[in-house]
Amino acid sequence: MKKLIAVIVIVLGFTFNINAQDVKTVSLEQTKEAFTQKAITLSEGTYIFEISNSNVGKDVGFVLAPKGKVEAEHHIKNAYVTSLVKNNSKSTSKKVTLKKGEYVYFCPLNPTPQYTLTVK
């Protein structure tokens, strides 16, 4: 019985480790009324967005939505930062799985233009 439990624990640990490696982080920097990255191209997959506030002077956020559907009901909610990004700090989103297509990202609090994120 102890051997069976040990094998299950090892298999589960290995599975969680493989899944953790599949998540990539996309780091984006906001300055006053702009993101420094004007366009992004990614492969299909699962991502966490890390947003940094580079001396904007106020809290910022992050919105990701399908291109042409920027209304709140179409926002990809898991892409929202888990807490507002304070001046000169960072915050991250939850995991977001992206399929092929075109998206836009922006910050309505800063406010920034809408930038293109393409998934191939």
Protein backbone atom coordinates (compact mmCIF):
# COMPACT_ATOMS: atom_id res chain seq x y z
CA MET A 1 0.00 0.00 0.00
CA LYS A 2 2.82 2.41 0.86
CA LYS A 3 4.45 1.75 -2.53
CA LEU A 4 1.18 2.47 -4.33
CA ILE A 5 0.75 5.78 -2.49
CA ALA A 6 4.38 6.71 -3.24
CA VAL A 7 3.88 5.99 -6.95
CA ILE A 8 0.68 8.08 -7.05
CA VAL A 9 2.42 10.99 -5.32
CA ILE A 10 5.34 10.85 -7.77
CA VAL A 11 3.04 10.66 -10.81
CA LEU A 12 0.89 13.57 -9.57
CA GLY A 13 3.98 15.66 -8.82
CA PHE A 14 5.36 14.96 -12.29
CA THR A 15 2.03 15.85 -13.91
CA PHE A 16 1.74 19.14 -12.02
CA ASN A 17 5.34 19.99 -12.94
CA ILE A 18 4.70 19.38 -16.65
CA ASN A 19 1.52 21.49 -16.54
CA ALA A 20 3.33 24.33 -14.77
CA GLN A 21 5.96 24.39 -17.51
CA ASP A 22 3.29 24.87 -20.19
CA VAL A 23 2.32 28.31 -18.85
CA LYS A 24 4.35 31.18 -20.25
CA THR A 25 4.56 34.72 -18.89
CA VAL A 26 4.09 37.75 -21.13
CA SER A 27 5.56 40.87 -19.55
CA LEU A 28 4.08 44.20 -20.63
CA GLU A 29 5.12 47.65 -19.48
CA GLN A 30 2.82 50.66 -19.24
CA THR A 31 4.05 54.23 -19.33
CA LYS A 32 1.85 57.35 -19.38
CA GLU A 33 -0.98 56.61 -21.85
CA ALA A 34 0.92 53.83 -23.66
CA PHE A 35 2.26 50.30 -23.55
CA THR A 36 5.91 50.07 -24.60
CA GLN A 37 5.08 46.91 -26.62
CA LYS A 38 2.98 48.06 -29.57
CA ALA A 39 2.15 44.57 -30.94
CA ILE A 40 2.68 40.99 -29.81
CA THR A 41 2.67 37.67 -31.68
CA LEU A 42 2.28 34.46 -29.67
CA SER A 43 1.70 30.78 -30.33
CA GLU A 44 -1.47 29.07 -29.15
CA GLY A 45 -1.13 28.22 -25.51
CA THR A 46 -1.61 29.25 -21.92
CA TYR A 47 -0.19 32.51 -20.64
CA ILE A 48 -0.03 34.73 -17.59
CA PHE A 49 0.21 38.45 -18.28
CA GLU A 50 2.55 40.45 -16.03
CA ILE A 51 1.82 44.17 -16.20
CA SER A 52 4.29 46.73 -14.90
CA ASN A 53 3.43 50.33 -14.10
CA SER A 54 6.45 52.45 -15.03
CA ASN A 55 5.85 55.74 -13.29
CA VAL A 56 2.38 56.32 -14.77
CA GLY A 57 1.48 58.20 -11.60
CA LYS A 58 -1.77 56.29 -10.97
CA ASP A 59 -3.07 52.72 -10.80
CA VAL A 60 -3.34 50.86 -14.11
CA GLY A 61 -5.03 47.69 -15.31
CA PHE A 62 -5.10 45.39 -18.33
CA VAL A 63 -7.84 44.34 -20.75
CA LEU A 64 -7.57 41.63 -23.41
CA ALA A 65 -10.44 41.10 -25.84
CA PRO A 66 -11.09 39.61 -29.28
CA LYS A 67 -10.38 42.16 -32.00
CA GLY A 68 -13.52 44.14 -32.81
CA LYS A 69 -15.24 43.12 -29.56
CA VAL A 70 -13.88 45.49 -26.92
CA GLU A 71 -17.09 45.91 -24.93
CA ALA A 72 -16.88 44.67 -21.33
CA GLU A 73 -19.01 41.58 -21.99
CA HIS A 74 -16.35 40.31 -24.44
CA HIS A 75 -13.31 40.93 -22.23
CA ILE A 76 -11.27 37.85 -21.37
CA LYS A 77 -11.82 38.11 -17.62
CA ASN A 78 -8.90 35.85 -16.63
CA ALA A 79 -6.57 38.31 -18.35
CA TYR A 80 -7.51 41.08 -15.91
CA VAL A 81 -4.73 41.71 -13.41
CA THR A 82 -5.58 40.18 -10.04
CA SER A 83 -5.11 43.59 -8.40
CA LEU A 84 -4.69 47.10 -9.79
CA VAL A 85 -1.08 47.84 -10.65
CA LYS A 86 0.21 50.53 -8.32
CA ASN A 87 2.71 53.13 -9.50
CA ASN A 88 6.16 51.56 -10.10
CA SER A 89 5.02 48.02 -9.33
CA LYS A 90 3.76 44.88 -11.11
CA SER A 91 0.72 42.63 -11.04
CA THR A 92 -0.25 39.47 -12.93
CA SER A 93 -3.34 37.95 -14.48
CA LYS A 94 -4.68 34.47 -13.96
CA LYS A 95 -3.92 31.80 -16.58
CA VAL A 96 -5.34 32.60 -20.01
CA THR A 97 -5.56 30.01 -22.81
CA LEU A 98 -5.38 31.68 -26.22
CA LYS A 99 -6.48 30.16 -29.51
CA LYS A 100 -5.47 31.31 -33.00
CA GLY A 101 -6.85 34.72 -33.86
CA GLU A 102 -6.47 38.43 -33.31
CA TYR A 103 -6.97 40.16 -30.00
CA VAL A 104 -6.48 43.66 -28.67
CA TYR A 105 -5.03 44.77 -25.35
CA PHE A 106 -5.33 48.12 -23.64
CA CYS A 107 -5.77 49.90 -20.33
CA PRO A 108 -8.92 51.97 -19.83
CA LEU A 109 -7.53 53.48 -16.62
CA ASN A 110 -4.32 54.90 -18.10
CA PRO A 111 -5.89 55.22 -20.89
CA THR A 112 -3.93 53.64 -23.74
CA PRO A 113 -4.62 52.94 -27.41
CA GLN A 114 -5.69 49.43 -28.40
CA TYR A 115 -2.72 47.29 -29.43
CA THR A 116 -2.76 44.06 -31.46
CA LEU A 117 -2.00 40.63 -30.04
CA THR A 118 -1.89 37.93 -32.74
CA VAL A 119 -1.98 34.23 -31.92
CA LYS A 120 -0.69 31.93 -34.68
